[in-house]
Amino acid sequence: GRKVANLVRAVAFDKPAVCVDVHVHRICNRLGLIRTKDPFATEM
């Protein structure tokens, strides 16, 4: 899925990619940096 794809692109190929898992989604919203309801919205 998008999470795996972004992580592979970033880690395996050192290409810019925004990988969003449960930690990224939770912490970015907890910090108040963004207000999103799901990981896809967080990535965007």
PDB file of all heavy atoms in Angstrom:
ATOM      1  N   GLY A   1       0.845  -1.185   0.000  1.00  0.00           N
ATOM      2  CA  GLY A   1       0.000   0.000   0.000  1.00  0.00           C
ATOM      3  C   GLY A   1       0.881   1.236   0.000  1.00  0.00           C
ATOM      4  O   GLY A   1       2.111   1.146  -0.152  1.00  0.00           O
ATOM      5  N   ARG A   2       0.292   2.389   0.195  1.00  0.00           N
ATOM      6  CA  ARG A   2       1.058   3.630   0.109  1.00  0.00           C
ATOM      7  C   ARG A   2       2.114   3.722   1.203  1.00  0.00           C
ATOM      8  O   ARG A   2       3.212   4.237   0.981  1.00  0.00           O
ATOM      9  CB  ARG A   2       0.126   4.845   0.161  1.00  0.00           C
ATOM     10  CG  ARG A   2      -0.725   5.015  -1.089  1.00  0.00           C
ATOM     11  CD  ARG A   2      -1.344   6.401  -1.142  1.00  0.00           C
ATOM     12  NE  ARG A   2      -0.349   7.448  -1.318  1.00  0.00           N
ATOM     13  CZ  ARG A   2       0.110   7.856  -2.498  1.00  0.00           C
ATOM     14  NH1 ARG A   2      -0.305   7.285  -3.612  1.00  0.00           N
ATOM     15  NH2 ARG A   2       1.007   8.828  -2.568  1.00  0.00           N
ATOM     16  N   LYS A   3       1.802   3.249   2.412  1.00  0.00           N
ATOM     17  CA  LYS A   3       2.786   3.321   3.489  1.00  0.00           C
ATOM     18  C   LYS A   3       4.028   2.518   3.134  1.00  0.00           C
ATOM     19  O   LYS A   3       5.156   3.011   3.228  1.00  0.00           O
ATOM     20  CB  LYS A   3       2.200   2.797   4.798  1.00  0.00           C
ATOM     21  CG  LYS A   3       3.147   2.948   5.985  1.00  0.00           C
ATOM     22  CD  LYS A   3       2.694   2.166   7.191  1.00  0.00           C
ATOM     23  CE  LYS A   3       3.127   0.717   7.059  1.00  0.00           C
ATOM     24  NZ  LYS A   3       2.952  -0.051   8.302  1.00  0.00           N
ATOM     25  N   VAL A   4       3.827   1.280   2.702  1.00  0.00           N
ATOM     26  CA  VAL A   4       4.955   0.424   2.325  1.00  0.00           C
ATOM     27  C   VAL A   4       5.698   1.023   1.133  1.00  0.00           C
ATOM     28  O   VAL A   4       6.937   1.069   1.113  1.00  0.00           O
ATOM     29  CB  VAL A   4       4.468  -1.008   2.010  1.00  0.00           C
ATOM     30  CG1 VAL A   4       5.592  -1.829   1.370  1.00  0.00           C
ATOM     31  CG2 VAL A   4       3.973  -1.693   3.273  1.00  0.00           C
ATOM     32  N   ALA A   5       4.960   1.498   0.146  1.00  0.00           N
ATOM     33  CA  ALA A   5       5.589   2.051  -1.053  1.00  0.00           C
ATOM     34  C   ALA A   5       6.459   3.261  -0.722  1.00  0.00           C
ATOM     35  O   ALA A   5       7.599   3.374  -1.200  1.00  0.00           O
ATOM     36  CB  ALA A   5       4.511   2.438  -2.067  1.00  0.00           C
ATOM     37  N   ASN A   6       5.938   4.160   0.090  1.00  0.00           N
ATOM     38  CA  ASN A   6       6.715   5.337   0.468  1.00  0.00           C
ATOM     39  C   ASN A   6       7.963   4.960   1.247  1.00  0.00           C
ATOM     40  O   ASN A   6       9.039   5.540   1.049  1.00  0.00           O
ATOM     41  CB  ASN A   6       5.851   6.292   1.292  1.00  0.00           C
ATOM     42  CG  ASN A   6       5.009   7.224   0.451  1.00  0.00           C
ATOM     43  OD1 ASN A   6       5.522   8.126  -0.212  1.00  0.00           O
ATOM     44  ND2 ASN A   6       3.703   7.016   0.456  1.00  0.00           N
ATOM     45  N   LEU A   7       7.834   3.987   2.143  1.00  0.00           N
ATOM     46  CA  LEU A   7       8.983   3.581   2.953  1.00  0.00           C
ATOM     47  C   LEU A   7      10.053   2.914   2.094  1.00  0.00           C
ATOM     48  O   LEU A   7      11.252   3.167   2.258  1.00  0.00           O
ATOM     49  CB  LEU A   7       8.522   2.636   4.068  1.00  0.00           C
ATOM     50  CG  LEU A   7       9.532   2.367   5.191  1.00  0.00           C
ATOM     51  CD1 LEU A   7      10.002   3.667   5.825  1.00  0.00           C
ATOM     52  CD2 LEU A   7       8.912   1.471   6.249  1.00  0.00           C
ATOM     53  N   VAL A   8       9.636   2.061   1.161  1.00  0.00           N
ATOM     54  CA  VAL A   8      10.598   1.420   0.258  1.00  0.00           C
ATOM     55  C   VAL A   8      11.294   2.469  -0.612  1.00  0.00           C
ATOM     56  O   VAL A   8      12.519   2.428  -0.797  1.00  0.00           O
ATOM     57  CB  VAL A   8       9.903   0.360  -0.618  1.00  0.00           C
ATOM     58  CG1 VAL A   8      10.843  -0.135  -1.719  1.00  0.00           C
ATOM     59  CG2 VAL A   8       9.436  -0.813   0.240  1.00  0.00           C
ATOM     60  N   ARG A   9      10.526   3.402  -1.143  1.00  0.00           N
ATOM     61  CA  ARG A   9      11.129   4.449  -1.981  1.00  0.00           C
ATOM     62  C   ARG A   9      12.163   5.253  -1.190  1.00  0.00           C
ATOM     63  O   ARG A   9      13.262   5.538  -1.688  1.00  0.00           O
ATOM     64  CB  ARG A   9      10.037   5.382  -2.515  1.00  0.00           C
ATOM     65  CG  ARG A   9      10.561   6.557  -3.333  1.00  0.00           C
ATOM     66  CD  ARG A   9       9.417   7.351  -3.950  1.00  0.00           C
ATOM     67  NE  ARG A   9       9.856   8.647  -4.453  1.00  0.00           N
ATOM     68  CZ  ARG A   9      10.463   8.833  -5.628  1.00  0.00           C
ATOM     69  NH1 ARG A   9      10.695   7.804  -6.409  1.00  0.00           N
ATOM     70  NH2 ARG A   9      10.825  10.043  -6.014  1.00  0.00           N
ATOM     71  N   ALA A  10      11.838   5.586   0.051  1.00  0.00           N
ATOM     72  CA  ALA A  10      12.740   6.397   0.867  1.00  0.00           C
ATOM     73  C   ALA A  10      13.965   5.608   1.319  1.00  0.00           C
ATOM     74  O   ALA A  10      15.104   6.083   1.207  1.00  0.00           O
ATOM     75  CB  ALA A  10      11.995   6.954   2.077  1.00  0.00           C
ATOM     76  N   VAL A  11      13.738   4.404   1.848  1.00  0.00           N
ATOM     77  CA  VAL A  11      14.833   3.640   2.454  1.00  0.00           C
ATOM     78  C   VAL A  11      15.672   2.917   1.412  1.00  0.00           C
ATOM     79  O   VAL A  11      16.900   2.968   1.447  1.00  0.00           O
ATOM     80  CB  VAL A  11      14.281   2.644   3.500  1.00  0.00           C
ATOM     81  CG1 VAL A  11      15.404   1.789   4.063  1.00  0.00           C
ATOM     82  CG2 VAL A  11      13.576   3.386   4.630  1.00  0.00           C
ATOM     83  N   ALA A  12      15.022   2.234   0.486  1.00  0.00           N
ATOM     84  CA  ALA A  12      15.765   1.436  -0.489  1.00  0.00           C
ATOM     85  C   ALA A  12      16.434   2.283  -1.567  1.00  0.00           C
ATOM     86  O   ALA A  12      17.528   1.947  -2.037  1.00  0.00           O
ATOM     87  CB  ALA A  12      14.835   0.416  -1.143  1.00  0.00           C
ATOM     88  N   PHE A  13      15.767   3.382  -1.961  1.00  0.00           N
ATOM     89  CA  PHE A  13      16.266   4.163  -3.089  1.00  0.00           C
ATOM     90  C   PHE A  13      16.692   5.584  -2.715  1.00  0.00           C
ATOM     91  O   PHE A  13      17.145   6.334  -3.578  1.00  0.00           O
ATOM     92  CB  PHE A  13      15.207   4.210  -4.191  1.00  0.00           C
ATOM     93  CG  PHE A  13      14.849   2.845  -4.718  1.00  0.00           C
ATOM     94  CD1 PHE A  13      13.643   2.248  -4.392  1.00  0.00           C
ATOM     95  CD2 PHE A  13      15.740   2.142  -5.521  1.00  0.00           C
ATOM     96  CE1 PHE A  13      13.311   0.982  -4.868  1.00  0.00           C
ATOM     97  CE2 PHE A  13      15.415   0.876  -6.000  1.00  0.00           C
ATOM     98  CZ  PHE A  13      14.208   0.292  -5.678  1.00  0.00           C
ATOM     99  N   ASP A  14      16.539   5.935  -1.432  1.00  0.00           N
ATOM    100  CA  ASP A  14      16.938   7.269  -0.966  1.00  0.00           C
ATOM    101  C   ASP A  14      16.280   8.373  -1.785  1.00  0.00           C
ATOM    102  O   ASP A  14      16.886   9.391  -2.116  1.00  0.00           O
ATOM    103  CB  ASP A  14      18.464   7.410  -1.029  1.00  0.00           C
ATOM    104  CG  ASP A  14      18.972   8.523  -0.101  1.00  0.00           C
ATOM    105  OD1 ASP A  14      18.342   8.772   0.942  1.00  0.00           O
ATOM    106  OD2 ASP A  14      20.004   9.151  -0.445  1.00  0.00           O
ATOM    107  N   LYS A  15      14.989   8.143  -2.108  1.00  0.00           N
ATOM    108  CA  LYS A  15      14.205   9.118  -2.864  1.00  0.00           C
ATOM    109  C   LYS A  15      13.195   9.783  -1.924  1.00  0.00           C
ATOM    110  O   LYS A  15      12.662   9.124  -1.024  1.00  0.00           O
ATOM    111  CB  LYS A  15      13.450   8.429  -4.006  1.00  0.00           C
ATOM    112  CG  LYS A  15      14.329   7.658  -4.984  1.00  0.00           C
ATOM    113  CD  LYS A  15      15.023   8.561  -5.941  1.00  0.00           C
ATOM    114  CE  LYS A  15      15.731   7.755  -7.030  1.00  0.00           C
ATOM    115  NZ  LYS A  15      16.442   8.614  -7.999  1.00  0.00           N
ATOM    116  N   PRO A  16      12.904  11.062  -2.114  1.00  0.00           N
ATOM    117  CA  PRO A  16      11.942  11.742  -1.238  1.00  0.00           C
ATOM    118  C   PRO A  16      10.579  11.061  -1.262  1.00  0.00           C
ATOM    119  O   PRO A  16      10.019  10.788  -2.325  1.00  0.00           O
ATOM    120  CB  PRO A  16      11.862  13.151  -1.829  1.00  0.00           C
ATOM    121  CG  PRO A  16      13.152  13.334  -2.564  1.00  0.00           C
ATOM    122  CD  PRO A  16      13.486  11.974  -3.115  1.00  0.00           C
ATOM    123  N   ALA A  17      10.064  10.747  -0.081  1.00  0.00           N
ATOM    124  CA  ALA A  17       8.757  10.107   0.056  1.00  0.00           C
ATOM    125  C   ALA A  17       8.241  10.353   1.460  1.00  0.00           C
ATOM    126  O   ALA A  17       9.017  10.323   2.415  1.00  0.00           O
ATOM    127  CB  ALA A  17       8.856   8.608  -0.215  1.00  0.00           C
ATOM    128  N   VAL A  18       6.955  10.599   1.581  1.00  0.00           N
ATOM    129  CA  VAL A  18       6.338  10.845   2.885  1.00  0.00           C
ATOM    130  C   VAL A  18       5.623   9.575   3.321  1.00  0.00           C
ATOM    131  O   VAL A  18       4.508   9.295   2.877  1.00  0.00           O
ATOM    132  CB  VAL A  18       5.355  12.034   2.835  1.00  0.00           C
ATOM    133  CG1 VAL A  18       4.733  12.259   4.205  1.00  0.00           C
ATOM    134  CG2 VAL A  18       6.067  13.299   2.364  1.00  0.00           C
ATOM    135  N   CYS A  19       6.273   8.807   4.157  1.00  0.00           N
ATOM    136  CA  CYS A  19       5.682   7.565   4.658  1.00  0.00           C
ATOM    137  C   CYS A  19       4.891   7.859   5.923  1.00  0.00           C
ATOM    138  O   CYS A  19       5.426   8.446   6.877  1.00  0.00           O
ATOM    139  CB  CYS A  19       6.773   6.541   4.947  1.00  0.00           C
ATOM    140  SG  CYS A  19       6.129   5.006   5.635  1.00  0.00           S
ATOM    141  N   VAL A  20       3.640   7.459   5.933  1.00  0.00           N
ATOM    142  CA  VAL A  20       2.771   7.723   7.082  1.00  0.00           C
ATOM    143  C   VAL A  20       2.263   6.409   7.654  1.00  0.00           C
ATOM    144  O   VAL A  20       1.505   5.684   7.009  1.00  0.00           O
ATOM    145  CB  VAL A  20       1.570   8.616   6.697  1.00  0.00           C
ATOM    146  CG1 VAL A  20       0.622   8.782   7.884  1.00  0.00           C
ATOM    147  CG2 VAL A  20       2.065   9.972   6.216  1.00  0.00           C
ATOM    148  N   ASP A  21       2.719   6.084   8.854  1.00  0.00           N
ATOM    149  CA  ASP A  21       2.161   4.947   9.577  1.00  0.00           C
ATOM    150  C   ASP A  21       1.366   5.482  10.759  1.00  0.00           C
ATOM    151  O   ASP A  21       1.107   6.686  10.857  1.00  0.00           O
ATOM    152  CB  ASP A  21       3.261   3.974  10.013  1.00  0.00           C
ATOM    153  CG  ASP A  21       4.107   4.520  11.150  1.00  0.00           C
ATOM    154  OD1 ASP A  21       4.031   5.735  11.442  1.00  0.00           O
ATOM    155  OD2 ASP A  21       4.837   3.728  11.770  1.00  0.00           O
ATOM    156  N   VAL A  22       0.968   4.596  11.682  1.00  0.00           N
ATOM    157  CA  VAL A  22       0.117   5.030  12.794  1.00  0.00           C
ATOM    158  C   VAL A  22       0.833   6.042  13.683  1.00  0.00           C
ATOM    159  O   VAL A  22       0.198   6.952  14.234  1.00  0.00           O
ATOM    160  CB  VAL A  22      -0.358   3.830  13.631  1.00  0.00           C
ATOM    161  CG1 VAL A  22      -1.321   2.973  12.830  1.00  0.00           C
ATOM    162  CG2 VAL A  22       0.821   2.982  14.128  1.00  0.00           C
ATOM    163  N   HIS A  23       2.154   5.899  13.839  1.00  0.00           N
ATOM    164  CA  HIS A  23       2.902   6.843  14.678  1.00  0.00           C
ATOM    165  C   HIS A  23       2.918   8.235  14.055  1.00  0.00           C
ATOM    166  O   HIS A  23       2.678   9.241  14.739  1.00  0.00           O
ATOM    167  CB  HIS A  23       4.334   6.352  14.880  1.00  0.00           C
ATOM    168  CG  HIS A  23       4.438   5.071  15.646  1.00  0.00           C
ATOM    169  ND1 HIS A  23       4.155   4.978  16.992  1.00  0.00           N
ATOM    170  CD2 HIS A  23       4.792   3.828  15.251  1.00  0.00           C
ATOM    171  CE1 HIS A  23       4.337   3.738  17.397  1.00  0.00           C
ATOM    172  NE2 HIS A  23       4.718   3.015  16.359  1.00  0.00           N
ATOM    173  N   VAL A  24       3.224   8.317  12.768  1.00  0.00           N
ATOM    174  CA  VAL A  24       3.280   9.613  12.087  1.00  0.00           C
ATOM    175  C   VAL A  24       1.904  10.276  12.114  1.00  0.00           C
ATOM    176  O   VAL A  24       1.787  11.471  12.411  1.00  0.00           O
ATOM    177  CB  VAL A  24       3.772   9.438  10.638  1.00  0.00           C
ATOM    178  CG1 VAL A  24       3.728  10.774   9.887  1.00  0.00           C
ATOM    179  CG2 VAL A  24       5.187   8.861  10.622  1.00  0.00           C
ATOM    180  N   HIS A  25       0.873   9.506  11.797  1.00  0.00           N
ATOM    181  CA  HIS A  25      -0.484  10.058  11.806  1.00  0.00           C
ATOM    182  C   HIS A  25      -0.859  10.570  13.188  1.00  0.00           C
ATOM    183  O   HIS A  25      -1.356  11.700  13.335  1.00  0.00           O
ATOM    184  CB  HIS A  25      -1.468   8.983  11.350  1.00  0.00           C
ATOM    185  CG  HIS A  25      -2.910   9.393  11.396  1.00  0.00           C
ATOM    186  ND1 HIS A  25      -3.411  10.428  10.625  1.00  0.00           N
ATOM    187  CD2 HIS A  25      -3.959   8.918  12.126  1.00  0.00           C
ATOM    188  CE1 HIS A  25      -4.706  10.572  10.870  1.00  0.00           C
ATOM    189  NE2 HIS A  25      -5.052   9.670  11.776  1.00  0.00           N
ATOM    190  N   ARG A  26      -0.611   9.757  14.212  1.00  0.00           N
ATOM    191  CA  ARG A  26      -0.989  10.130  15.570  1.00  0.00           C
ATOM    192  C   ARG A  26      -0.205  11.345  16.066  1.00  0.00           C
ATOM    193  O   ARG A  26      -0.782  12.307  16.575  1.00  0.00           O
ATOM    194  CB  ARG A  26      -0.738   8.951  16.526  1.00  0.00           C
ATOM    195  CG  ARG A  26      -1.085   9.247  17.984  1.00  0.00           C
ATOM    196  CD  ARG A  26      -0.750   8.097  18.913  1.00  0.00           C
ATOM    197  NE  ARG A  26       0.687   7.933  19.131  1.00  0.00           N
ATOM    198  CZ  ARG A  26       1.418   6.961  18.617  1.00  0.00           C
ATOM    199  NH1 ARG A  26       0.878   6.061  17.828  1.00  0.00           N
ATOM    200  NH2 ARG A  26       2.717   6.878  18.875  1.00  0.00           N
ATOM    201  N   ILE A  27       1.111  11.323  15.925  1.00  0.00           N
ATOM    202  CA  ILE A  27       1.946  12.366  16.518  1.00  0.00           C
ATOM    203  C   ILE A  27       1.757  13.699  15.805  1.00  0.00           C
ATOM    204  O   ILE A  27       1.681  14.754  16.456  1.00  0.00           O
ATOM    205  CB  ILE A  27       3.420  11.933  16.510  1.00  0.00           C
ATOM    206  CG1 ILE A  27       3.616  10.716  17.421  1.00  0.00           C
ATOM    207  CG2 ILE A  27       4.323  13.076  16.975  1.00  0.00           C
ATOM    208  CD1 ILE A  27       4.986  10.073  17.325  1.00  0.00           C
ATOM    209  N   CYS A  28       1.674  13.696  14.475  1.00  0.00           N
ATOM    210  CA  CYS A  28       1.481  14.962  13.756  1.00  0.00           C
ATOM    211  C   CYS A  28       0.157  15.615  14.134  1.00  0.00           C
ATOM    212  O   CYS A  28       0.070  16.851  14.251  1.00  0.00           O
ATOM    213  CB  CYS A  28       1.551  14.734  12.256  1.00  0.00           C
ATOM    214  SG  CYS A  28       3.215  14.380  11.644  1.00  0.00           S
ATOM    215  N   ASN A  29      -0.876  14.794  14.355  1.00  0.00           N
ATOM    216  CA  ASN A  29      -2.149  15.355  14.799  1.00  0.00           C
ATOM    217  C   ASN A  29      -2.108  15.740  16.271  1.00  0.00           C
ATOM    218  O   ASN A  29      -2.681  16.765  16.668  1.00  0.00           O
ATOM    219  CB  ASN A  29      -3.275  14.339  14.544  1.00  0.00           C
ATOM    220  CG  ASN A  29      -3.800  14.395  13.129  1.00  0.00           C
ATOM    221  OD1 ASN A  29      -4.654  15.205  12.797  1.00  0.00           O
ATOM    222  ND2 ASN A  29      -3.257  13.534  12.267  1.00  0.00           N
ATOM    223  N   ARG A  30      -1.440  14.964  17.080  1.00  0.00           N
ATOM    224  CA  ARG A  30      -1.321  15.267  18.506  1.00  0.00           C
ATOM    225  C   ARG A  30      -0.574  16.575  18.722  1.00  0.00           C
ATOM    226  O   ARG A  30      -0.921  17.383  19.589  1.00  0.00           O
ATOM    227  CB  ARG A  30      -0.622  14.116  19.228  1.00  0.00           C
ATOM    228  CG  ARG A  30      -0.517  14.268  20.726  1.00  0.00           C
ATOM    229  CD  ARG A  30       0.129  13.030  21.341  1.00  0.00           C
ATOM    230  NE  ARG A  30      -0.827  11.945  21.523  1.00  0.00           N
ATOM    231  CZ  ARG A  30      -0.503  10.708  21.914  1.00  0.00           C
ATOM    232  NH1 ARG A  30       0.769  10.407  22.140  1.00  0.00           N
ATOM    233  NH2 ARG A  30      -1.436   9.794  22.068  1.00  0.00           N
ATOM    234  N   LEU A  31       0.461  16.797  17.916  1.00  0.00           N
ATOM    235  CA  LEU A  31       1.221  18.042  17.997  1.00  0.00           C
ATOM    236  C   LEU A  31       0.394  19.243  17.556  1.00  0.00           C
ATOM    237  O   LEU A  31       0.686  20.380  17.934  1.00  0.00           O
ATOM    238  CB  LEU A  31       2.476  17.954  17.130  1.00  0.00           C
ATOM    239  CG  LEU A  31       3.619  17.071  17.628  1.00  0.00           C
ATOM    240  CD1 LEU A  31       4.653  16.874  16.526  1.00  0.00           C
ATOM    241  CD2 LEU A  31       4.276  17.672  18.868  1.00  0.00           C
ATOM    242  N   GLY A  32      -0.627  18.990  16.740  1.00  0.00           N
ATOM    243  CA  GLY A  32      -1.416  20.078  16.189  1.00  0.00           C
ATOM    244  C   GLY A  32      -0.852  20.619  14.889  1.00  0.00           C
ATOM    245  O   GLY A  32      -1.303  21.651  14.385  1.00  0.00           O
ATOM    246  N   LEU A  33       0.146  19.917  14.321  1.00  0.00           N
ATOM    247  CA  LEU A  33       0.732  20.352  13.058  1.00  0.00           C
ATOM    248  C   LEU A  33      -0.283  20.241  11.931  1.00  0.00           C
ATOM    249  O   LEU A  33      -0.322  21.086  11.019  1.00  0.00           O
ATOM    250  CB  LEU A  33       1.970  19.497  12.741  1.00  0.00           C
ATOM    251  CG  LEU A  33       2.690  19.769  11.431  1.00  0.00           C
ATOM    252  CD1 LEU A  33       3.226  21.201  11.391  1.00  0.00           C
ATOM    253  CD2 LEU A  33       3.832  18.762  11.228  1.00  0.00           C
ATOM    254  N   ILE A  34      -1.109  19.188  11.984  1.00  0.00           N
ATOM    255  CA  ILE A  34      -2.161  18.979  11.000  1.00  0.00           C
ATOM    256  C   ILE A  34      -3.425  18.517  11.715  1.00  0.00           C
ATOM    257  O   ILE A  34      -3.375  18.142  12.893  1.00  0.00           O
ATOM    258  CB  ILE A  34      -1.760  17.924   9.943  1.00  0.00           C
ATOM    259  CG1 ILE A  34      -1.365  16.607  10.632  1.00  0.00           C
ATOM    260  CG2 ILE A  34      -0.645  18.439   9.062  1.00  0.00           C
ATOM    261  CD1 ILE A  34      -1.030  15.485   9.686  1.00  0.00           C
ATOM    262  N   ARG A  35      -4.543  18.521  11.008  1.00  0.00           N
ATOM    263  CA  ARG A  35      -5.798  17.984  11.523  1.00  0.00           C
ATOM    264  C   ARG A  35      -6.375  17.079  10.448  1.00  0.00           C
ATOM    265  O   ARG A  35      -7.052  17.529   9.529  1.00  0.00           O
ATOM    266  CB  ARG A  35      -6.795  19.118  11.859  1.00  0.00           C
ATOM    267  CG  ARG A  35      -6.324  20.087  12.926  1.00  0.00           C
ATOM    268  CD  ARG A  35      -6.200  19.415  14.270  1.00  0.00           C
ATOM    269  NE  ARG A  35      -5.816  20.369  15.324  1.00  0.00           N
ATOM    270  CZ  ARG A  35      -5.388  20.014  16.524  1.00  0.00           C
ATOM    271  NH1 ARG A  35      -5.281  18.723  16.834  1.00  0.00           N
ATOM    272  NH2 ARG A  35      -5.060  20.933  17.416  1.00  0.00           N
ATOM    273  N   THR A  36      -6.074  15.803  10.537  1.00  0.00           N
ATOM    274  CA  THR A  36      -6.520  14.850   9.512  1.00  0.00           C
ATOM    275  C   THR A  36      -7.156  13.637  10.168  1.00  0.00           C
ATOM    276  O   THR A  36      -6.909  13.337  11.338  1.00  0.00           O
ATOM    277  CB  THR A  36      -5.336  14.397   8.638  1.00  0.00           C
ATOM    278  OG1 THR A  36      -4.302  13.863   9.485  1.00  0.00           O
ATOM    279  CG2 THR A  36      -4.774  15.557   7.835  1.00  0.00           C
ATOM    280  N   LYS A  37      -7.950  12.913   9.376  1.00  0.00           N
ATOM    281  CA  LYS A  37      -8.712  11.790   9.930  1.00  0.00           C
ATOM    282  C   LYS A  37      -8.147  10.423   9.572  1.00  0.00           C
ATOM    283  O   LYS A  37      -8.553   9.420  10.153  1.00  0.00           O
ATOM    284  CB  LYS A  37     -10.175  11.890   9.471  1.00  0.00           C
ATOM    285  CG  LYS A  37     -10.911  13.086  10.063  1.00  0.00           C
ATOM    286  CD  LYS A  37     -12.389  13.060   9.707  1.00  0.00           C
ATOM    287  CE  LYS A  37     -13.123  14.213  10.370  1.00  0.00           C
ATOM    288  NZ  LYS A  37     -14.580  14.198  10.056  1.00  0.00           N
ATOM    289  N   ASP A  38      -7.243  10.361   8.599  1.00  0.00           N
ATOM    290  CA  ASP A  38      -6.703   9.063   8.206  1.00  0.00           C
ATOM    291  C   ASP A  38      -5.299   9.252   7.636  1.00  0.00           C
ATOM    292  O   ASP A  38      -4.901  10.374   7.292  1.00  0.00           O
ATOM    293  CB  ASP A  38      -7.611   8.370   7.192  1.00  0.00           C
ATOM    294  CG  ASP A  38      -7.835   9.193   5.937  1.00  0.00           C
ATOM    295  OD1 ASP A  38      -6.860   9.433   5.195  1.00  0.00           O
ATOM    296  OD2 ASP A  38      -8.990   9.616   5.705  1.00  0.00           O
ATOM    297  N   PRO A  39      -4.512   8.157   7.548  1.00  0.00           N
ATOM    298  CA  PRO A  39      -3.130   8.269   7.081  1.00  0.00           C
ATOM    299  C   PRO A  39      -2.975   8.857   5.685  1.00  0.00           C
ATOM    300  O   PRO A  39      -2.010   9.587   5.428  1.00  0.00           O
ATOM    301  CB  PRO A  39      -2.626   6.818   7.132  1.00  0.00           C
ATOM    302  CG  PRO A  39      -3.432   6.195   8.234  1.00  0.00           C
ATOM    303  CD  PRO A  39      -4.801   6.807   8.086  1.00  0.00           C
ATOM    304  N   PHE A  40      -3.899   8.551   4.770  1.00  0.00           N
ATOM    305  CA  PHE A  40      -3.787   9.124   3.427  1.00  0.00           C
ATOM    306  C   PHE A  40      -3.900  10.645   3.472  1.00  0.00           C
ATOM    307  O   PHE A  40      -3.112  11.353   2.843  1.00  0.00           O
ATOM    308  CB  PHE A  40      -4.863   8.551   2.506  1.00  0.00           C
ATOM    309  CG  PHE A  40      -4.808   9.130   1.106  1.00  0.00           C
ATOM    310  CD1 PHE A  40      -3.837   8.718   0.215  1.00  0.00           C
ATOM    311  CD2 PHE A  40      -5.725  10.088   0.706  1.00  0.00           C
ATOM    312  CE1 PHE A  40      -3.772   9.256  -1.073  1.00  0.00           C
ATOM    313  CE2 PHE A  40      -5.672  10.636  -0.571  1.00  0.00           C
ATOM    314  CZ  PHE A  40      -4.686  10.209  -1.469  1.00  0.00           C
ATOM    315  N   ALA A  41      -4.873  11.143   4.243  1.00  0.00           N
ATOM    316  CA  ALA A  41      -5.019  12.592   4.375  1.00  0.00           C
ATOM    317  C   ALA A  41      -3.786  13.200   5.035  1.00  0.00           C
ATOM    318  O   ALA A  41      -3.361  14.312   4.688  1.00  0.00           O
ATOM    319  CB  ALA A  41      -6.272  12.921   5.178  1.00  0.00           C
ATOM    320  N   THR A  42      -3.198  12.468   5.985  1.00  0.00           N
ATOM    321  CA  THR A  42      -1.978  12.952   6.636  1.00  0.00           C
ATOM    322  C   THR A  42      -0.833  13.036   5.639  1.00  0.00           C
ATOM    323  O   THR A  42      -0.088  14.021   5.615  1.00  0.00           O
ATOM    324  CB  THR A  42      -1.591  12.017   7.796  1.00  0.00           C
ATOM    325  OG1 THR A  42      -2.600  12.079   8.805  1.00  0.00           O
ATOM    326  CG2 THR A  42      -0.260  12.415   8.411  1.00  0.00           C
ATOM    327  N   GLU A  43      -0.687  12.011   4.802  1.00  0.00           N
ATOM    328  CA  GLU A  43       0.368  12.054   3.786  1.00  0.00           C
ATOM    329  C   GLU A  43       0.205  13.260   2.870  1.00  0.00           C
ATOM    330  O   GLU A  43       1.169  13.991   2.594  1.00  0.00           O
ATOM    331  CB  GLU A  43       0.354  10.776   2.951  1.00  0.00           C
ATOM    332  CG  GLU A  43       1.428  10.776   1.865  1.00  0.00           C
ATOM    333  CD  GLU A  43       1.282   9.637   0.869  1.00  0.00           C
ATOM    334  OE1 GLU A  43       0.679   8.597   1.206  1.00  0.00           O
ATOM    335  OE2 GLU A  43       1.794   9.794  -0.269  1.00  0.00           O
ATOM    336  N   MET A  44      -1.012  13.495   2.399  1.00  0.00           N
ATOM    337  CA  MET A  44      -1.247  14.612   1.486  1.00  0.00           C
ATOM    338  C   MET A  44      -0.986  15.958   2.173  1.00  0.00           C
ATOM    339  O   MET A  44      -0.412  16.874   1.578  1.00  0.00           O
ATOM    340  CB  MET A  44      -2.679  14.563   0.956  1.00  0.00           C
ATOM    341  CG  MET A  44      -2.984  13.344   0.087  1.00  0.00           C
ATOM    342  SD  MET A  44      -1.915  13.193  -1.390  1.00  0.00           S
ATOM    343  CE  MET A  44      -0.870  11.793  -0.898  1.00  0.00           C
TER     344      MET A  44
END
